[in-house]
PDB file of all heavy atoms in Angstrom:
ATOM      1  N   ARG A   1       0.839  -1.203   0.000  1.00  0.00           N
ATOM      2  CA  ARG A   1       0.000   0.000   0.000  1.00  0.00           C
ATOM      3  C   ARG A   1       0.876   1.255   0.000  1.00  0.00           C
ATOM      4  O   ARG A   1       0.528   2.269  -0.620  1.00  0.00           O
ATOM      5  CB  ARG A   1      -0.904  -0.023   1.226  1.00  0.00           C
ATOM      6  CG  ARG A   1      -1.734   1.231   1.432  1.00  0.00           C
ATOM      7  CD  ARG A   1      -2.793   1.418   0.381  1.00  0.00           C
ATOM      8  NE  ARG A   1      -3.506   2.671   0.553  1.00  0.00           N
ATOM      9  CZ  ARG A   1      -4.514   2.840   1.396  1.00  0.00           C
ATOM     10  NH1 ARG A   1      -4.936   1.828   2.139  1.00  0.00           N
ATOM     11  NH2 ARG A   1      -5.115   4.006   1.490  1.00  0.00           N
ATOM     12  N   LEU A   2       2.012   1.195   0.684  1.00  0.00           N
ATOM     13  CA  LEU A   2       2.921   2.337   0.718  1.00  0.00           C
ATOM     14  C   LEU A   2       3.426   2.662  -0.677  1.00  0.00           C
ATOM     15  O   LEU A   2       3.508   3.837  -1.063  1.00  0.00           O
ATOM     16  CB  LEU A   2       4.087   2.032   1.662  1.00  0.00           C
ATOM     17  CG  LEU A   2       5.192   3.094   1.752  1.00  0.00           C
ATOM     18  CD1 LEU A   2       4.614   4.420   2.225  1.00  0.00           C
ATOM     19  CD2 LEU A   2       6.297   2.631   2.689  1.00  0.00           C
ATOM     20  N   VAL A   3       3.768   1.644  -1.463  1.00  0.00           N
ATOM     21  CA  VAL A   3       4.235   1.872  -2.834  1.00  0.00           C
ATOM     22  C   VAL A   3       3.126   2.484  -3.678  1.00  0.00           C
ATOM     23  O   VAL A   3       3.363   3.390  -4.494  1.00  0.00           O
ATOM     24  CB  VAL A   3       4.739   0.554  -3.446  1.00  0.00           C
ATOM     25  CG1 VAL A   3       5.036   0.722  -4.931  1.00  0.00           C
ATOM     26  CG2 VAL A   3       5.989   0.076  -2.722  1.00  0.00           C
ATOM     27  N   MET A   4       1.891   2.016  -3.484  1.00  0.00           N
ATOM     28  CA  MET A   4       0.774   2.571  -4.241  1.00  0.00           C
ATOM     29  C   MET A   4       0.558   4.042  -3.890  1.00  0.00           C
ATOM     30  O   MET A   4       0.334   4.883  -4.768  1.00  0.00           O
ATOM     31  CB  MET A   4      -0.500   1.776  -3.960  1.00  0.00           C
ATOM     32  CG  MET A   4      -1.697   2.214  -4.787  1.00  0.00           C
ATOM     33  SD  MET A   4      -3.216   1.338  -4.362  1.00  0.00           S
ATOM     34  CE  MET A   4      -3.543   2.041  -2.743  1.00  0.00           C
ATOM     35  N   GLU A   5       0.626   4.377  -2.595  1.00  0.00           N
ATOM     36  CA  GLU A   5       0.471   5.765  -2.169  1.00  0.00           C
ATOM     37  C   GLU A   5       1.624   6.629  -2.672  1.00  0.00           C
ATOM     38  O   GLU A   5       1.443   7.791  -3.035  1.00  0.00           O
ATOM     39  CB  GLU A   5       0.382   5.835  -0.643  1.00  0.00           C
ATOM     40  CG  GLU A   5      -0.893   5.279  -0.064  1.00  0.00           C
ATOM     41  CD  GLU A   5      -2.102   6.138  -0.408  1.00  0.00           C
ATOM     42  OE1 GLU A   5      -1.935   7.367  -0.582  1.00  0.00           O
ATOM     43  OE2 GLU A   5      -3.207   5.582  -0.520  1.00  0.00           O
ATOM     44  N   LEU A   6       2.805   6.046  -2.691  1.00  0.00           N
ATOM     45  CA  LEU A   6       3.968   6.791  -3.171  1.00  0.00           C
ATOM     46  C   LEU A   6       3.849   7.108  -4.659  1.00  0.00           C
ATOM     47  O   LEU A   6       4.410   8.101  -5.128  1.00  0.00           O
ATOM     48  CB  LEU A   6       5.239   5.976  -2.906  1.00  0.00           C
ATOM     49  CG  LEU A   6       6.588   6.693  -3.031  1.00  0.00           C
ATOM     50  CD1 LEU A   6       6.663   7.856  -2.074  1.00  0.00           C
ATOM     51  CD2 LEU A   6       7.725   5.712  -2.766  1.00  0.00           C
ATOM     52  N   GLN A   7       3.087   6.297  -5.384  1.00  0.00           N
ATOM     53  CA  GLN A   7       2.912   6.518  -6.810  1.00  0.00           C
ATOM     54  C   GLN A   7       1.898   7.629  -7.094  1.00  0.00           C
ATOM     55  O   GLN A   7       2.029   8.353  -8.074  1.00  0.00           O
ATOM     56  CB  GLN A   7       2.454   5.217  -7.488  1.00  0.00           C
ATOM     57  CG  GLN A   7       2.399   5.277  -9.006  1.00  0.00           C
ATOM     58  CD  GLN A   7       3.783   5.389  -9.639  1.00  0.00           C
ATOM     59  OE1 GLN A   7       4.780   5.016  -9.042  1.00  0.00           O
ATOM     60  NE2 GLN A   7       3.835   5.921 -10.852  1.00  0.00           N
ATOM     61  N   CYS A   8       0.889   7.785  -6.212  1.00  0.00           N
ATOM     62  CA  CYS A   8      -0.198   8.714  -6.530  1.00  0.00           C
ATOM     63  C   CYS A   8      -0.392   9.825  -5.497  1.00  0.00           C
ATOM     64  O   CYS A   8      -1.093  10.805  -5.782  1.00  0.00           O
ATOM     65  CB  CYS A   8      -1.521   7.944  -6.692  1.00  0.00           C
ATOM     66  SG  CYS A   8      -2.030   7.029  -5.230  1.00  0.00           S
ATOM     67  N   ASN A   9       0.208   9.704  -4.303  1.00  0.00           N
ATOM     68  CA  ASN A   9       0.040  10.716  -3.260  1.00  0.00           C
ATOM     69  C   ASN A   9       1.134  11.777  -3.416  1.00  0.00           C
ATOM     70  O   ASN A   9       2.308  11.527  -3.131  1.00  0.00           O
ATOM     71  CB  ASN A   9       0.110  10.060  -1.879  1.00  0.00           C
ATOM     72  CG  ASN A   9      -0.311  11.000  -0.768  1.00  0.00           C
ATOM     73  OD1 ASN A   9      -0.021  12.191  -0.793  1.00  0.00           O
ATOM     74  ND2 ASN A   9      -1.002  10.455   0.229  1.00  0.00           N
ATOM     75  N   MET A  10       0.749  12.961  -3.842  1.00  0.00           N
ATOM     76  CA  MET A  10       1.738  14.001  -4.114  1.00  0.00           C
ATOM     77  C   MET A  10       2.394  14.523  -2.837  1.00  0.00           C
ATOM     78  O   MET A  10       3.563  14.909  -2.851  1.00  0.00           O
ATOM     79  CB  MET A  10       1.078  15.160  -4.871  1.00  0.00           C
ATOM     80  CG  MET A  10       0.586  14.789  -6.253  1.00  0.00           C
ATOM     81  SD  MET A  10       1.930  14.154  -7.277  1.00  0.00           S
ATOM     82  CE  MET A  10       1.041  13.563  -8.701  1.00  0.00           C
ATOM     83  N   ALA A  11       1.654  14.561  -1.736  1.00  0.00           N
ATOM     84  CA  ALA A  11       2.243  15.001  -0.474  1.00  0.00           C
ATOM     85  C   ALA A  11       3.334  14.043  -0.015  1.00  0.00           C
ATOM     86  O   ALA A  11       4.401  14.460   0.460  1.00  0.00           O
ATOM     87  CB  ALA A  11       1.154  15.122   0.598  1.00  0.00           C
ATOM     88  N   LEU A  12       3.092  12.736  -0.178  1.00  0.00           N
ATOM     89  CA  LEU A  12       4.102  11.748   0.189  1.00  0.00           C
ATOM     90  C   LEU A  12       5.304  11.822  -0.748  1.00  0.00           C
ATOM     91  O   LEU A  12       6.449  11.674  -0.321  1.00  0.00           O
ATOM     92  CB  LEU A  12       3.491  10.353   0.175  1.00  0.00           C
ATOM     93  CG  LEU A  12       4.379   9.207   0.655  1.00  0.00           C
ATOM     94  CD1 LEU A  12       4.859   9.452   2.082  1.00  0.00           C
ATOM     95  CD2 LEU A  12       3.643   7.871   0.569  1.00  0.00           C
ATOM     96  N   ARG A  13       5.065  12.055  -2.037  1.00  0.00           N
ATOM     97  CA  ARG A  13       6.172  12.234  -2.973  1.00  0.00           C
ATOM     98  C   ARG A  13       7.034  13.434  -2.580  1.00  0.00           C
ATOM     99  O   ARG A  13       8.257  13.381  -2.638  1.00  0.00           O
ATOM    100  CB  ARG A  13       5.633  12.434  -4.395  1.00  0.00           C
ATOM    101  CG  ARG A  13       5.351  11.156  -5.151  1.00  0.00           C
ATOM    102  CD  ARG A  13       4.876  11.435  -6.553  1.00  0.00           C
ATOM    103  NE  ARG A  13       4.805  10.200  -7.324  1.00  0.00           N
ATOM    104  CZ  ARG A  13       5.788   9.736  -8.090  1.00  0.00           C
ATOM    105  NH1 ARG A  13       6.902  10.443  -8.196  1.00  0.00           N
ATOM    106  NH2 ARG A  13       5.662   8.610  -8.748  1.00  0.00           N
ATOM    107  N   TRP A  14       6.387  14.524  -2.216  1.00  0.00           N
ATOM    108  CA  TRP A  14       7.131  15.711  -1.796  1.00  0.00           C
ATOM    109  C   TRP A  14       7.947  15.416  -0.543  1.00  0.00           C
ATOM    110  O   TRP A  14       9.103  15.831  -0.431  1.00  0.00           O
ATOM    111  CB  TRP A  14       6.141  16.842  -1.517  1.00  0.00           C
ATOM    112  CG  TRP A  14       6.779  18.093  -1.021  1.00  0.00           C
ATOM    113  CD1 TRP A  14       7.249  19.145  -1.753  1.00  0.00           C
ATOM    114  CD2 TRP A  14       7.031  18.439   0.356  1.00  0.00           C
ATOM    115  NE1 TRP A  14       7.776  20.109  -0.942  1.00  0.00           N
ATOM    116  CE2 TRP A  14       7.670  19.699   0.369  1.00  0.00           C
ATOM    117  CE3 TRP A  14       6.794  17.797   1.567  1.00  0.00           C
ATOM    118  CZ2 TRP A  14       8.045  20.328   1.552  1.00  0.00           C
ATOM    119  CZ3 TRP A  14       7.186  18.417   2.744  1.00  0.00           C
ATOM    120  CH2 TRP A  14       7.791  19.686   2.718  1.00  0.00           C
ATOM    121  N   PHE A  15       7.379  14.684   0.401  1.00  0.00           N
ATOM    122  CA  PHE A  15       8.061  14.359   1.652  1.00  0.00           C
ATOM    123  C   PHE A  15       9.289  13.489   1.391  1.00  0.00           C
ATOM    124  O   PHE A  15      10.344  13.683   2.005  1.00  0.00           O
ATOM    125  CB  PHE A  15       7.076  13.641   2.578  1.00  0.00           C
ATOM    126  CG  PHE A  15       7.617  13.370   3.951  1.00  0.00           C
ATOM    127  CD1 PHE A  15       7.707  14.372   4.893  1.00  0.00           C
ATOM    128  CD2 PHE A  15       8.034  12.090   4.301  1.00  0.00           C
ATOM    129  CE1 PHE A  15       8.200  14.125   6.162  1.00  0.00           C
ATOM    130  CE2 PHE A  15       8.530  11.827   5.557  1.00  0.00           C
ATOM    131  CZ  PHE A  15       8.611  12.847   6.495  1.00  0.00           C
ATOM    132  N   VAL A  16       9.166  12.529   0.483  1.00  0.00           N
ATOM    133  CA  VAL A  16      10.268  11.602   0.194  1.00  0.00           C
ATOM    134  C   VAL A  16      11.305  12.247  -0.721  1.00  0.00           C
ATOM    135  O   VAL A  16      12.491  11.910  -0.665  1.00  0.00           O
ATOM    136  CB  VAL A  16       9.703  10.307  -0.424  1.00  0.00           C
ATOM    137  CG1 VAL A  16      10.819   9.375  -0.871  1.00  0.00           C
ATOM    138  CG2 VAL A  16       8.790   9.603   0.568  1.00  0.00           C
ATOM    139  N   GLY A  17      10.875  13.189  -1.589  1.00  0.00           N
ATOM    140  CA  GLY A  17      11.781  13.790  -2.555  1.00  0.00           C
ATOM    141  C   GLY A  17      11.798  13.053  -3.874  1.00  0.00           C
ATOM    142  O   GLY A  17      12.814  13.061  -4.586  1.00  0.00           O
ATOM    143  N   LEU A  18      10.674  12.419  -4.213  1.00  0.00           N
ATOM    144  CA  LEU A  18      10.558  11.672  -5.452  1.00  0.00           C
ATOM    145  C   LEU A  18       9.944  12.581  -6.510  1.00  0.00           C
ATOM    146  O   LEU A  18       8.859  13.127  -6.317  1.00  0.00           O
ATOM    147  CB  LEU A  18       9.682  10.442  -5.239  1.00  0.00           C
ATOM    148  CG  LEU A  18       9.824   9.284  -6.223  1.00  0.00           C
ATOM    149  CD1 LEU A  18      11.225   8.690  -6.169  1.00  0.00           C
ATOM    150  CD2 LEU A  18       8.785   8.218  -5.929  1.00  0.00           C
ATOM    151  N   ASN A  19      10.639  12.774  -7.620  1.00  0.00           N
ATOM    152  CA  ASN A  19      10.165  13.663  -8.666  1.00  0.00           C
ATOM    153  C   ASN A  19       8.917  13.115  -9.345  1.00  0.00           C
ATOM    154  O   ASN A  19       8.611  11.919  -9.267  1.00  0.00           O
ATOM    155  CB  ASN A  19      11.259  13.905  -9.713  1.00  0.00           C
ATOM    156  CG  ASN A  19      12.429  14.680  -9.141  1.00  0.00           C
ATOM    157  OD1 ASN A  19      12.254  15.519  -8.257  1.00  0.00           O
ATOM    158  ND2 ASN A  19      13.621  14.400  -9.632  1.00  0.00           N
ATOM    159  N   LEU A  20       8.209  13.986 -10.055  1.00  0.00           N
ATOM    160  CA  LEU A  20       6.982  13.589 -10.719  1.00  0.00           C
ATOM    161  C   LEU A  20       7.225  12.560 -11.823  1.00  0.00           C
ATOM    162  O   LEU A  20       6.350  11.734 -12.112  1.00  0.00           O
ATOM    163  CB  LEU A  20       6.282  14.822 -11.317  1.00  0.00           C
ATOM    164  CG  LEU A  20       5.584  15.742 -10.318  1.00  0.00           C
ATOM    165  CD1 LEU A  20       5.155  17.035 -11.017  1.00  0.00           C
ATOM    166  CD2 LEU A  20       4.378  15.051  -9.704  1.00  0.00           C
ATOM    167  N   ASP A  21       8.377  12.602 -12.455  1.00  0.00           N
ATOM    168  CA  ASP A  21       8.659  11.679 -13.548  1.00  0.00           C
ATOM    169  C   ASP A  21       9.372  10.417 -13.085  1.00  0.00           C
ATOM    170  O   ASP A  21       9.827   9.618 -13.910  1.00  0.00           O
ATOM    171  CB  ASP A  21       9.502  12.371 -14.621  1.00  0.00           C
ATOM    172  CG  ASP A  21      10.811  12.924 -14.064  1.00  0.00           C
ATOM    173  OD1 ASP A  21      10.958  12.965 -12.830  1.00  0.00           O
ATOM    174  OD2 ASP A  21      11.677  13.320 -14.869  1.00  0.00           O
ATOM    175  N   GLN A  22       9.474  10.194 -11.772  1.00  0.00           N
ATOM    176  CA  GLN A  22      10.111   8.994 -11.240  1.00  0.00           C
ATOM    177  C   GLN A  22       9.049   8.017 -10.768  1.00  0.00           C
ATOM    178  O   GLN A  22       8.072   8.393 -10.111  1.00  0.00           O
ATOM    179  CB  GLN A  22      11.037   9.341 -10.067  1.00  0.00           C
ATOM    180  CG  GLN A  22      12.291  10.093 -10.455  1.00  0.00           C
ATOM    181  CD  GLN A  22      13.165  10.386  -9.246  1.00  0.00           C
ATOM    182  OE1 GLN A  22      12.865  11.260  -8.437  1.00  0.00           O
ATOM    183  NE2 GLN A  22      14.248   9.639  -9.120  1.00  0.00           N
ATOM    184  N   ASP A  23       9.240   6.743 -11.091  1.00  0.00           N
ATOM    185  CA  ASP A  23       8.322   5.701 -10.645  1.00  0.00           C
ATOM    186  C   ASP A  23       8.651   5.275  -9.219  1.00  0.00           C
ATOM    187  O   ASP A  23       9.814   5.325  -8.789  1.00  0.00           O
ATOM    188  CB  ASP A  23       8.397   4.480 -11.562  1.00  0.00           C
ATOM    189  CG  ASP A  23       7.817   4.761 -12.939  1.00  0.00           C
ATOM    190  OD1 ASP A  23       6.896   5.600 -13.025  1.00  0.00           O
ATOM    191  OD2 ASP A  23       8.303   4.158 -13.912  1.00  0.00           O
ATOM    192  N   ALA A  24       7.619   4.863  -8.494  1.00  0.00           N
ATOM    193  CA  ALA A  24       7.834   4.316  -7.149  1.00  0.00           C
ATOM    194  C   ALA A  24       8.545   2.972  -7.257  1.00  0.00           C
ATOM    195  O   ALA A  24       8.464   2.279  -8.277  1.00  0.00           O
ATOM    196  CB  ALA A  24       6.502   4.167  -6.426  1.00  0.00           C
ATOM    197  N   TRP A  25       9.244   2.581  -6.208  1.00  0.00           N
ATOM    198  CA  TRP A  25      10.011   1.342  -6.223  1.00  0.00           C
ATOM    199  C   TRP A  25       9.093   0.158  -5.972  1.00  0.00           C
ATOM    200  O   TRP A  25       7.941   0.294  -5.567  1.00  0.00           O
ATOM    201  CB  TRP A  25      11.094   1.409  -5.131  1.00  0.00           C
ATOM    202  CG  TRP A  25      11.684   2.763  -4.995  1.00  0.00           C
ATOM    203  CD1 TRP A  25      12.376   3.440  -5.955  1.00  0.00           C
ATOM    204  CD2 TRP A  25      11.597   3.653  -3.865  1.00  0.00           C
ATOM    205  NE1 TRP A  25      12.747   4.672  -5.485  1.00  0.00           N
ATOM    206  CE2 TRP A  25      12.283   4.838  -4.201  1.00  0.00           C
ATOM    207  CE3 TRP A  25      11.024   3.556  -2.614  1.00  0.00           C
ATOM    208  CZ2 TRP A  25      12.401   5.912  -3.337  1.00  0.00           C
ATOM    209  CZ3 TRP A  25      11.138   4.615  -1.736  1.00  0.00           C
ATOM    210  CH2 TRP A  25      11.815   5.778  -2.096  1.00  0.00           C
ATOM    211  N   ASP A  26       9.635  -1.020  -6.173  1.00  0.00           N
ATOM    212  CA  ASP A  26       8.906  -2.241  -5.859  1.00  0.00           C
ATOM    213  C   ASP A  26       8.831  -2.408  -4.346  1.00  0.00           C
ATOM    214  O   ASP A  26       9.727  -1.980  -3.609  1.00  0.00           O
ATOM    215  CB  ASP A  26       9.603  -3.447  -6.487  1.00  0.00           C
ATOM    216  CG  ASP A  26       8.786  -4.714  -6.363  1.00  0.00           C
ATOM    217  OD1 ASP A  26       7.873  -4.902  -7.186  1.00  0.00           O
ATOM    218  OD2 ASP A  26       9.054  -5.509  -5.443  1.00  0.00           O
ATOM    219  N   HIS A  27       7.762  -3.044  -3.883  1.00  0.00           N
ATOM    220  CA  HIS A  27       7.575  -3.191  -2.433  1.00  0.00           C
ATOM    221  C   HIS A  27       8.684  -4.024  -1.797  1.00  0.00           C
ATOM    222  O   HIS A  27       9.001  -3.860  -0.613  1.00  0.00           O
ATOM    223  CB  HIS A  27       6.213  -3.826  -2.151  1.00  0.00           C
ATOM    224  CG  HIS A  27       6.098  -5.247  -2.641  1.00  0.00           C
ATOM    225  ND1 HIS A  27       6.451  -6.324  -1.870  1.00  0.00           N
ATOM    226  CD2 HIS A  27       5.692  -5.747  -3.822  1.00  0.00           C
ATOM    227  CE1 HIS A  27       6.260  -7.433  -2.549  1.00  0.00           C
ATOM    228  NE2 HIS A  27       5.795  -7.116  -3.742  1.00  0.00           N
ATOM    229  N   SER A  28       9.294  -4.936  -2.579  1.00  0.00           N
ATOM    230  CA  SER A  28      10.367  -5.765  -2.022  1.00  0.00           C
ATOM    231  C   SER A  28      11.629  -4.958  -1.726  1.00  0.00           C
ATOM    232  O   SER A  28      12.518  -5.448  -1.022  1.00  0.00           O
ATOM    233  CB  SER A  28      10.698  -6.907  -2.988  1.00  0.00           C
ATOM    234  OG  SER A  28      11.169  -6.396  -4.222  1.00  0.00           O
ATOM    235  N   THR A  29      11.721  -3.745  -2.246  1.00  0.00           N
ATOM    236  CA  THR A  29      12.884  -2.897  -1.960  1.00  0.00           C
ATOM    237  C   THR A  29      13.031  -2.672  -0.469  1.00  0.00           C
ATOM    238  O   THR A  29      14.146  -2.691   0.072  1.00  0.00           O
ATOM    239  CB  THR A  29      12.739  -1.553  -2.689  1.00  0.00           C
ATOM    240  OG1 THR A  29      12.600  -1.783  -4.088  1.00  0.00           O
ATOM    241  CG2 THR A  29      13.949  -0.671  -2.438  1.00  0.00           C
ATOM    242  N   PHE A  30      11.930  -2.461   0.229  1.00  0.00           N
ATOM    243  CA  PHE A  30      11.991  -2.213   1.665  1.00  0.00           C
ATOM    244  C   PHE A  30      12.430  -3.464   2.417  1.00  0.00           C
ATOM    245  O   PHE A  30      13.333  -3.409   3.258  1.00  0.00           O
ATOM    246  CB  PHE A  30      10.626  -1.751   2.176  1.00  0.00           C
ATOM    247  CG  PHE A  30      10.161  -0.465   1.563  1.00  0.00           C
ATOM    248  CD1 PHE A  30       9.246  -0.457   0.524  1.00  0.00           C
ATOM    249  CD2 PHE A  30      10.641   0.752   2.019  1.00  0.00           C
ATOM    250  CE1 PHE A  30       8.811   0.726  -0.043  1.00  0.00           C
ATOM    251  CE2 PHE A  30      10.221   1.946   1.454  1.00  0.00           C
ATOM    252  CZ  PHE A  30       9.304   1.925   0.423  1.00  0.00           C
ATOM    253  N   SER A  31      11.800  -4.600   2.137  1.00  0.00           N
ATOM    254  CA  SER A  31      12.117  -5.816   2.883  1.00  0.00           C
ATOM    255  C   SER A  31      13.531  -6.299   2.597  1.00  0.00           C
ATOM    256  O   SER A  31      14.242  -6.739   3.516  1.00  0.00           O
ATOM    257  CB  SER A  31      11.103  -6.920   2.537  1.00  0.00           C
ATOM    258  OG  SER A  31      11.098  -7.173   1.144  1.00  0.00           O
ATOM    259  N   GLN A  32      13.988  -6.206   1.343  1.00  0.00           N
ATOM    260  CA  GLN A  32      15.319  -6.680   1.014  1.00  0.00           C
ATOM    261  C   GLN A  32      16.401  -5.801   1.645  1.00  0.00           C
ATOM    262  O   GLN A  32      17.410  -6.305   2.156  1.00  0.00           O
ATOM    263  CB  GLN A  32      15.493  -6.722  -0.504  1.00  0.00           C
ATOM    264  CG  GLN A  32      14.640  -7.775  -1.201  1.00  0.00           C
ATOM    265  CD  GLN A  32      14.982  -9.174  -0.760  1.00  0.00           C
ATOM    266  OE1 GLN A  32      16.134  -9.509  -0.490  1.00  0.00           O
ATOM    267  NE2 GLN A  32      13.973 -10.024  -0.662  1.00  0.00           N
ATOM    268  N   ASN A  33      16.216  -4.482   1.618  1.00  0.00           N
ATOM    269  CA  ASN A  33      17.202  -3.602   2.253  1.00  0.00           C
ATOM    270  C   ASN A  33      17.203  -3.788   3.759  1.00  0.00           C
ATOM    271  O   ASN A  33      18.268  -3.744   4.389  1.00  0.00           O
ATOM    272  CB  ASN A  33      16.899  -2.142   1.906  1.00  0.00           C
ATOM    273  CG  ASN A  33      17.503  -1.718   0.583  1.00  0.00           C
ATOM    274  OD1 ASN A  33      18.664  -1.359   0.493  1.00  0.00           O
ATOM    275  ND2 ASN A  33      16.696  -1.780  -0.475  1.00  0.00           N
ATOM    276  N   ARG A  34      16.037  -3.990   4.330  1.00  0.00           N
ATOM    277  CA  ARG A  34      15.970  -4.203   5.775  1.00  0.00           C
ATOM    278  C   ARG A  34      16.666  -5.491   6.170  1.00  0.00           C
ATOM    279  O   ARG A  34      17.422  -5.535   7.138  1.00  0.00           O
ATOM    280  CB  ARG A  34      14.506  -4.237   6.220  1.00  0.00           C
ATOM    281  CG  ARG A  34      14.337  -4.357   7.728  1.00  0.00           C
ATOM    282  CD  ARG A  34      12.888  -4.556   8.112  1.00  0.00           C
ATOM    283  NE  ARG A  34      12.047  -3.461   7.691  1.00  0.00           N
ATOM    284  CZ  ARG A  34      11.096  -3.552   6.780  1.00  0.00           C
ATOM    285  NH1 ARG A  34      10.885  -4.702   6.172  1.00  0.00           N
ATOM    286  NH2 ARG A  34      10.365  -2.517   6.464  1.00  0.00           N
ATOM    287  N   ARG A  35      16.428  -6.551   5.414  1.00  0.00           N
ATOM    288  CA  ARG A  35      16.990  -7.853   5.774  1.00  0.00           C
ATOM    289  C   ARG A  35      18.478  -7.946   5.472  1.00  0.00           C
ATOM    290  O   ARG A  35      19.249  -8.478   6.283  1.00  0.00           O
ATOM    291  CB  ARG A  35      16.235  -8.948   5.017  1.00  0.00           C
ATOM    292  CG  ARG A  35      16.727 -10.361   5.296  1.00  0.00           C
ATOM    293  CD  ARG A  35      15.813 -11.366   4.622  1.00  0.00           C
ATOM    294  NE  ARG A  35      15.833 -11.220   3.182  1.00  0.00           N
ATOM    295  CZ  ARG A  35      16.728 -11.809   2.382  1.00  0.00           C
ATOM    296  NH1 ARG A  35      17.683 -12.561   2.907  1.00  0.00           N
ATOM    297  NH2 ARG A  35      16.680 -11.650   1.077  1.00  0.00           N
ATOM    298  N   ARG A  36      18.906  -7.418   4.330  1.00  0.00           N
ATOM    299  CA  ARG A  36      20.292  -7.607   3.902  1.00  0.00           C
ATOM    300  C   ARG A  36      21.242  -6.531   4.402  1.00  0.00           C
ATOM    301  O   ARG A  36      22.454  -6.737   4.437  1.00  0.00           O
ATOM    302  CB  ARG A  36      20.355  -7.635   2.371  1.00  0.00           C
ATOM    303  CG  ARG A  36      19.612  -8.782   1.743  1.00  0.00           C
ATOM    304  CD  ARG A  36      19.741  -8.738   0.230  1.00  0.00           C
ATOM    305  NE  ARG A  36      19.084  -9.865  -0.413  1.00  0.00           N
ATOM    306  CZ  ARG A  36      19.075 -10.084  -1.716  1.00  0.00           C
ATOM    307  NH1 ARG A  36      19.698  -9.224  -2.517  1.00  0.00           N
ATOM    308  NH2 ARG A  36      18.451 -11.116  -2.229  1.00  0.00           N
ATOM    309  N   ARG A  37      20.706  -5.361   4.750  1.00  0.00           N
ATOM    310  CA  ARG A  37      21.605  -4.245   5.027  1.00  0.00           C
ATOM    311  C   ARG A  37      21.349  -3.605   6.390  1.00  0.00           C
ATOM    312  O   ARG A  37      22.236  -3.513   7.221  1.00  0.00           O
ATOM    313  CB  ARG A  37      21.466  -3.202   3.902  1.00  0.00           C
ATOM    314  CG  ARG A  37      22.400  -2.023   4.028  1.00  0.00           C
ATOM    315  CD  ARG A  37      22.304  -1.131   2.798  1.00  0.00           C
ATOM    316  NE  ARG A  37      22.913  -1.732   1.630  1.00  0.00           N
ATOM    317  CZ  ARG A  37      22.280  -2.016   0.501  1.00  0.00           C
ATOM    318  NH1 ARG A  37      20.990  -1.758   0.389  1.00  0.00           N
ATOM    319  NH2 ARG A  37      22.916  -2.541  -0.527  1.00  0.00           N
ATOM    320  N   PHE A  38      20.147  -3.132   6.647  1.00  0.00           N
ATOM    321  CA  PHE A  38      19.914  -2.267   7.796  1.00  0.00           C
ATOM    322  C   PHE A  38      19.813  -3.025   9.118  1.00  0.00           C
ATOM    323  O   PHE A  38      20.159  -2.486  10.165  1.00  0.00           O
ATOM    324  CB  PHE A  38      18.646  -1.437   7.572  1.00  0.00           C
ATOM    325  CG  PHE A  38      18.722  -0.562   6.354  1.00  0.00           C
ATOM    326  CD1 PHE A  38      17.664  -0.478   5.473  1.00  0.00           C
ATOM    327  CD2 PHE A  38      19.865   0.165   6.084  1.00  0.00           C
ATOM    328  CE1 PHE A  38      17.742   0.322   4.343  1.00  0.00           C
ATOM    329  CE2 PHE A  38      19.956   0.968   4.961  1.00  0.00           C
ATOM    330  CZ  PHE A  38      18.893   1.047   4.084  1.00  0.00           C
ATOM    331  N   ASP A  39      19.342  -4.276   9.089  1.00  0.00           N
ATOM    332  CA  ASP A  39      19.226  -5.031  10.336  1.00  0.00           C
ATOM    333  C   ASP A  39      20.589  -5.348  10.937  1.00  0.00           C
ATOM    334  O   ASP A  39      20.802  -5.216  12.144  1.00  0.00           O
ATOM    335  CB  ASP A  39      18.463  -6.333  10.095  1.00  0.00           C
ATOM    336  CG  ASP A  39      16.969  -6.154  10.322  1.00  0.00           C
ATOM    337  OD1 ASP A  39      16.565  -5.028  10.681  1.00  0.00           O
ATOM    338  OD2 ASP A  39      16.213  -7.113  10.134  1.00  0.00           O
ATOM    339  N   LYS A  40      21.522  -5.773  10.104  1.00  0.00           N
ATOM    340  CA  LYS A  40      22.831  -6.173  10.602  1.00  0.00           C
ATOM    341  C   LYS A  40      23.592  -4.990  11.175  1.00  0.00           C
ATOM    342  O   LYS A  40      24.376  -5.145  12.120  1.00  0.00           O
ATOM    343  CB  LYS A  40      23.643  -6.823   9.478  1.00  0.00           C
ATOM    344  CG  LYS A  40      23.034  -8.125   8.970  1.00  0.00           C
ATOM    345  CD  LYS A  40      23.874  -8.715   7.856  1.00  0.00           C
ATOM    346  CE  LYS A  40      23.275 -10.014   7.348  1.00  0.00           C
ATOM    347  NZ  LYS A  40      24.073 -10.613   6.251  1.00  0.00           N
ATOM    348  N   ASP A  41      23.384  -3.826  10.627  1.00  0.00           N
ATOM    349  CA  ASP A  41      24.104  -2.639  11.094  1.00  0.00           C
ATOM    350  C   ASP A  41      23.341  -1.866  12.164  1.00  0.00           C
ATOM    351  O   ASP A  41      23.809  -0.838  12.634  1.00  0.00           O
ATOM    352  CB  ASP A  41      24.376  -1.702   9.906  1.00  0.00           C
ATOM    353  CG  ASP A  41      25.388  -0.629  10.240  1.00  0.00           C
ATOM    354  OD1 ASP A  41      26.550  -0.981  10.547  1.00  0.00           O
ATOM    355  OD2 ASP A  41      25.014   0.557  10.214  1.00  0.00           O
TER     356      ASP A  41
END
């Protein structure tokens, strides 16, 4: 749902810094970065 909101919610795009011509990422981006990178550190 977060990815869907990031694609169409302009306030959330402004908060994140995602330009209008940029697509939102895949939902697995969050889980993979959390599991492979951010948890260990």
